[in-house]
Amino acid sequence: MIEDERWLDVDLQGMAERAARATTAHLGIDSVEIVVMGCDDARIAQLNDHFRGKARPTNVLSWPSSEPAPRAAGAVPALPPGDELGDIAISYDTCAVEAAGQGKPFADHVTHLIVHAILHLAGYDHEADADAATMEDAERSILAGLGIPDPYRET
């Protein structure tokens, strides 16, 4: 779903499909539905305020279709039930600023954020250090398979 036409110029659909295929393959999921909305900072700030009480833009938000099952710290989450993982919103403005500021190609940064959001939909999180390490390891593995450098590497 495209709310900001700048996403059409950079092929958000292609980036999202590439990220989704790689992430679901990593997770061992054959078929699943994920909705991705490409928007701008104003729209994502509204969503962030409404759902998280934070009235400011962010790069990406995700809403899983089901609550993740409890797990031990650092453990890989169990796959959620059903054919729908959930919804993602991603802001062109914040992604562009972050990519430029980090000296990364825009497409690589967006692909990373979509991978990150899909992992959230699948029950991963980064609240505790052990969980963050598990999630980042999954991201690194998925992105390496796509030829994208480690986004957490110190430069």
C-alpha atoms as a PDB file:
ATOM      1  CA  MET A   1       0.000   0.000   0.000  1.00  0.00           C
ATOM      2  CA  ILE A   2       1.573   3.289  -1.099  1.00  0.00           C
ATOM      3  CA  GLU A   3       0.558   6.521   0.646  1.00  0.00           C
ATOM      4  CA  ASP A   4       3.659   8.484  -0.406  1.00  0.00           C
ATOM      5  CA  GLU A   5       4.378   8.335  -4.129  1.00  0.00           C
ATOM      6  CA  ARG A   6       8.153   8.645  -3.601  1.00  0.00           C
ATOM      7  CA  TRP A   7       8.036   4.953  -2.673  1.00  0.00           C
ATOM      8  CA  LEU A   8       6.998   4.179  -6.257  1.00  0.00           C
ATOM      9  CA  ASP A   9      10.218   5.745  -7.575  1.00  0.00           C
ATOM     10  CA  VAL A  10      12.384   3.474  -5.403  1.00  0.00           C
ATOM     11  CA  ASP A  11      10.301   0.295  -5.868  1.00  0.00           C
ATOM     12  CA  LEU A  12       9.138  -0.313  -2.309  1.00  0.00           C
ATOM     13  CA  GLN A  13       7.169  -3.310  -3.540  1.00  0.00           C
ATOM     14  CA  GLY A  14      10.322  -4.938  -4.928  1.00  0.00           C
ATOM     15  CA  MET A  15      12.306  -4.225  -1.753  1.00  0.00           C
ATOM     16  CA  ALA A  16       9.481  -5.531   0.429  1.00  0.00           C
ATOM     17  CA  GLU A  17       9.065  -8.716  -1.620  1.00  0.00           C
ATOM     18  CA  ARG A  18      12.826  -9.374  -1.562  1.00  0.00           C
ATOM     19  CA  ALA A  19      13.019  -8.803   2.189  1.00  0.00           C
ATOM     20  CA  ALA A  20       9.905 -10.896   2.847  1.00  0.00           C
ATOM     21  CA  ARG A  21      11.077 -13.847   0.748  1.00  0.00           C
ATOM     22  CA  ALA A  22      14.470 -13.924   2.448  1.00  0.00           C
ATOM     23  CA  THR A  23      13.028 -13.492   5.938  1.00  0.00           C
ATOM     24  CA  THR A  24      10.262 -16.068   5.582  1.00  0.00           C
ATOM     25  CA  ALA A  25      12.749 -18.549   4.091  1.00  0.00           C
ATOM     26  CA  HIS A  26      15.013 -17.983   7.106  1.00  0.00           C
ATOM     27  CA  LEU A  27      12.029 -18.566   9.400  1.00  0.00           C
ATOM     28  CA  GLY A  28      10.910 -21.674   7.516  1.00  0.00           C
ATOM     29  CA  ILE A  29       7.568 -20.168   6.514  1.00  0.00           C
ATOM     30  CA  ASP A  30       6.204 -21.242   3.127  1.00  0.00           C
ATOM     31  CA  SER A  31       3.353 -18.828   2.596  1.00  0.00           C
ATOM     32  CA  VAL A  32       2.253 -15.836   4.608  1.00  0.00           C
ATOM     33  CA  GLU A  33       0.544 -12.473   4.156  1.00  0.00           C
ATOM     34  CA  ILE A  34       2.271  -9.256   5.200  1.00  0.00           C
ATOM     35  CA  VAL A  35       0.910  -5.790   4.458  1.00  0.00           C
ATOM     36  CA  VAL A  36       3.505  -3.032   3.956  1.00  0.00           C
ATOM     37  CA  MET A  37       2.460   0.617   3.836  1.00  0.00           C
ATOM     38  CA  GLY A  38       4.916   3.166   2.454  1.00  0.00           C
ATOM     39  CA  CYS A  39       4.200   6.554   3.985  1.00  0.00           C
ATOM     40  CA  ASP A  40       5.870   9.799   5.063  1.00  0.00           C
ATOM     41  CA  ASP A  41       6.953  11.183   8.432  1.00  0.00           C
ATOM     42  CA  ALA A  42       3.628  12.937   9.088  1.00  0.00           C
ATOM     43  CA  ARG A  43       1.636   9.716   8.671  1.00  0.00           C
ATOM     44  CA  ILE A  44       4.016   7.513  10.648  1.00  0.00           C
ATOM     45  CA  ALA A  45       4.072  10.104  13.448  1.00  0.00           C
ATOM     46  CA  GLN A  46       0.258   9.842  13.626  1.00  0.00           C
ATOM     47  CA  LEU A  47       0.471   6.051  13.793  1.00  0.00           C
ATOM     48  CA  ASN A  48       3.282   6.148  16.350  1.00  0.00           C
ATOM     49  CA  ASP A  49       1.231   8.513  18.525  1.00  0.00           C
ATOM     50  CA  HIS A  50      -1.972   6.490  18.189  1.00  0.00           C
ATOM     51  CA  PHE A  51      -0.449   3.060  18.855  1.00  0.00           C
ATOM     52  CA  ARG A  52       2.577   3.836  21.027  1.00  0.00           C
ATOM     53  CA  GLY A  53       1.821   7.244  22.566  1.00  0.00           C
ATOM     54  CA  LYS A  54       4.924   8.719  20.899  1.00  0.00           C
ATOM     55  CA  ALA A  55       3.947  11.721  18.776  1.00  0.00           C
ATOM     56  CA  ARG A  56       7.030  11.697  16.576  1.00  0.00           C
ATOM     57  CA  PRO A  57       8.146  10.042  13.363  1.00  0.00           C
ATOM     58  CA  THR A  58      10.052   6.785  13.351  1.00  0.00           C
ATOM     59  CA  ASN A  59      11.498   4.648  10.582  1.00  0.00           C
ATOM     60  CA  VAL A  60       9.265   1.580  10.754  1.00  0.00           C
ATOM     61  CA  LEU A  61       6.348   0.259  12.804  1.00  0.00           C
ATOM     62  CA  SER A  62       4.919  -3.238  12.906  1.00  0.00           C
ATOM     63  CA  TRP A  63       1.699  -4.807  14.154  1.00  0.00           C
ATOM     64  CA  PRO A  64       1.739  -8.600  14.513  1.00  0.00           C
ATOM     65  CA  SER A  65      -1.447 -10.506  13.780  1.00  0.00           C
ATOM     66  CA  SER A  66      -1.017 -12.558  16.953  1.00  0.00           C
ATOM     67  CA  GLU A  67       0.686 -12.197  20.304  1.00  0.00           C
ATOM     68  CA  PRO A  68       4.045 -13.956  20.488  1.00  0.00           C
ATOM     69  CA  ALA A  69       4.271 -17.061  22.654  1.00  0.00           C
ATOM     70  CA  PRO A  70       6.298 -16.758  25.854  1.00  0.00           C
ATOM     71  CA  ARG A  71       9.935 -17.818  25.489  1.00  0.00           C
ATOM     72  CA  ALA A  72      13.173 -17.901  27.388  1.00  0.00           C
ATOM     73  CA  ALA A  73      15.474 -14.887  27.012  1.00  0.00           C
ATOM     74  CA  GLY A  74      17.501 -15.183  23.823  1.00  0.00           C
ATOM     75  CA  ALA A  75      15.466 -18.090  22.455  1.00  0.00           C
ATOM     76  CA  VAL A  76      14.219 -18.060  18.877  1.00  0.00           C
ATOM     77  CA  PRO A  77      10.463 -17.429  18.980  1.00  0.00           C
ATOM     78  CA  ALA A  78       7.980 -20.077  17.948  1.00  0.00           C
ATOM     79  CA  LEU A  79       6.342 -19.351  14.622  1.00  0.00           C
ATOM     80  CA  PRO A  80       3.018 -17.569  14.997  1.00  0.00           C
ATOM     81  CA  PRO A  81      -0.132 -19.426  13.908  1.00  0.00           C
ATOM     82  CA  GLY A  82      -2.065 -18.593  10.770  1.00  0.00           C
ATOM     83  CA  ASP A  83      -1.335 -17.271   7.315  1.00  0.00           C
ATOM     84  CA  GLU A  84      -1.109 -13.590   8.282  1.00  0.00           C
ATOM     85  CA  LEU A  85       1.968 -12.218  10.034  1.00  0.00           C
ATOM     86  CA  GLY A  86       0.742  -8.637  10.308  1.00  0.00           C
ATOM     87  CA  ASP A  87       1.211  -5.104   9.043  1.00  0.00           C
ATOM     88  CA  ILE A  88       4.189  -2.786   8.603  1.00  0.00           C
ATOM     89  CA  ALA A  89       4.395   0.981   8.029  1.00  0.00           C
ATOM     90  CA  ILE A  90       7.653   2.545   6.835  1.00  0.00           C
ATOM     91  CA  SER A  91       8.471   6.252   6.442  1.00  0.00           C
ATOM     92  CA  TYR A  92      10.315   7.475   3.371  1.00  0.00           C
ATOM     93  CA  ASP A  93      11.547  10.636   5.085  1.00  0.00           C
ATOM     94  CA  THR A  94      13.124   8.985   8.109  1.00  0.00           C
ATOM     95  CA  CYS A  95      14.603   6.164   6.031  1.00  0.00           C
ATOM     96  CA  ALA A  96      16.205   8.653   3.626  1.00  0.00           C
ATOM     97  CA  VAL A  97      17.711  10.728   6.450  1.00  0.00           C
ATOM     98  CA  GLU A  98      19.015   7.641   8.266  1.00  0.00           C
ATOM     99  CA  ALA A  99      20.512   6.058   5.152  1.00  0.00           C
ATOM    100  CA  ALA A 100      22.282   9.274   4.192  1.00  0.00           C
ATOM    101  CA  GLY A 101      23.499   9.859   7.743  1.00  0.00           C
ATOM    102  CA  GLN A 102      24.862   6.326   7.996  1.00  0.00           C
ATOM    103  CA  GLY A 103      26.384   6.366   4.505  1.00  0.00           C
ATOM    104  CA  LYS A 104      24.285   3.378   3.420  1.00  0.00           C
ATOM    105  CA  PRO A 105      22.473   2.777   0.155  1.00  0.00           C
ATOM    106  CA  PHE A 106      18.799   3.658   0.609  1.00  0.00           C
ATOM    107  CA  ALA A 107      17.630   0.264  -0.708  1.00  0.00           C
ATOM    108  CA  ASP A 108      19.907  -1.613   1.717  1.00  0.00           C
ATOM    109  CA  HIS A 109      18.633   0.400   4.671  1.00  0.00           C
ATOM    110  CA  VAL A 110      14.973  -0.030   3.712  1.00  0.00           C
ATOM    111  CA  THR A 111      15.463  -3.751   3.105  1.00  0.00           C
ATOM    112  CA  HIS A 112      17.073  -4.077   6.542  1.00  0.00           C
ATOM    113  CA  LEU A 113      14.192  -2.237   8.208  1.00  0.00           C
ATOM    114  CA  ILE A 114      11.611  -4.437   6.497  1.00  0.00           C
ATOM    115  CA  VAL A 115      13.522  -7.577   7.552  1.00  0.00           C
ATOM    116  CA  HIS A 116      13.631  -6.146  11.090  1.00  0.00           C
ATOM    117  CA  ALA A 117       9.886  -5.439  11.064  1.00  0.00           C
ATOM    118  CA  ILE A 118       9.027  -8.907   9.718  1.00  0.00           C
ATOM    119  CA  LEU A 119      11.075 -10.465  12.512  1.00  0.00           C
ATOM    120  CA  HIS A 120       9.007  -8.397  14.971  1.00  0.00           C
ATOM    121  CA  LEU A 121       5.859  -9.779  13.332  1.00  0.00           C
ATOM    122  CA  ALA A 122       7.279 -13.269  13.868  1.00  0.00           C
ATOM    123  CA  GLY A 123       7.779 -12.664  17.604  1.00  0.00           C
ATOM    124  CA  TYR A 124      11.359 -11.401  17.773  1.00  0.00           C
ATOM    125  CA  ASP A 125      12.156  -8.381  19.924  1.00  0.00           C
ATOM    126  CA  HIS A 126      15.149  -6.478  21.246  1.00  0.00           C
ATOM    127  CA  GLU A 127      14.050  -5.348  24.684  1.00  0.00           C
ATOM    128  CA  ALA A 128      16.518  -7.577  26.576  1.00  0.00           C
ATOM    129  CA  ASP A 129      20.161  -7.927  25.535  1.00  0.00           C
ATOM    130  CA  ALA A 130      19.845 -11.672  24.903  1.00  0.00           C
ATOM    131  CA  ASP A 131      16.776 -11.149  22.701  1.00  0.00           C
ATOM    132  CA  ALA A 132      18.484  -8.296  20.836  1.00  0.00           C
ATOM    133  CA  ALA A 133      21.463 -10.555  20.096  1.00  0.00           C
ATOM    134  CA  THR A 134      19.153 -13.272  18.743  1.00  0.00           C
ATOM    135  CA  MET A 135      17.271 -10.800  16.564  1.00  0.00           C
ATOM    136  CA  GLU A 136      20.429  -9.120  15.276  1.00  0.00           C
ATOM    137  CA  ASP A 137      21.973 -12.505  14.437  1.00  0.00           C
ATOM    138  CA  ALA A 138      18.881 -13.366  12.385  1.00  0.00           C
ATOM    139  CA  GLU A 139      19.026  -9.992  10.633  1.00  0.00           C
ATOM    140  CA  ARG A 140      22.725 -10.397   9.825  1.00  0.00           C
ATOM    141  CA  SER A 141      22.139 -13.862   8.395  1.00  0.00           C
ATOM    142  CA  ILE A 142      19.169 -12.798   6.256  1.00  0.00           C
ATOM    143  CA  LEU A 143      20.885  -9.657   4.986  1.00  0.00           C
ATOM    144  CA  ALA A 144      24.126 -11.503   4.207  1.00  0.00           C
ATOM    145  CA  GLY A 145      22.103 -13.848   2.008  1.00  0.00           C
ATOM    146  CA  LEU A 146      20.898 -10.754   0.136  1.00  0.00           C
ATOM    147  CA  GLY A 147      24.416  -9.351  -0.209  1.00  0.00           C
ATOM    148  CA  ILE A 148      23.738  -6.515   2.251  1.00  0.00           C
ATOM    149  CA  PRO A 149      26.537  -5.697   4.728  1.00  0.00           C
ATOM    150  CA  ASP A 150      26.068  -6.125   8.472  1.00  0.00           C
ATOM    151  CA  PRO A 151      24.020  -3.067   9.543  1.00  0.00           C
ATOM    152  CA  TYR A 152      25.379  -3.326  13.103  1.00  0.00           C
ATOM    153  CA  ARG A 153      29.060  -3.345  12.154  1.00  0.00           C
ATOM    154  CA  GLU A 154      30.989  -0.431  13.626  1.00  0.00           C
ATOM    155  CA  THR A 155      32.474   1.795  10.947  1.00  0.00           C
END
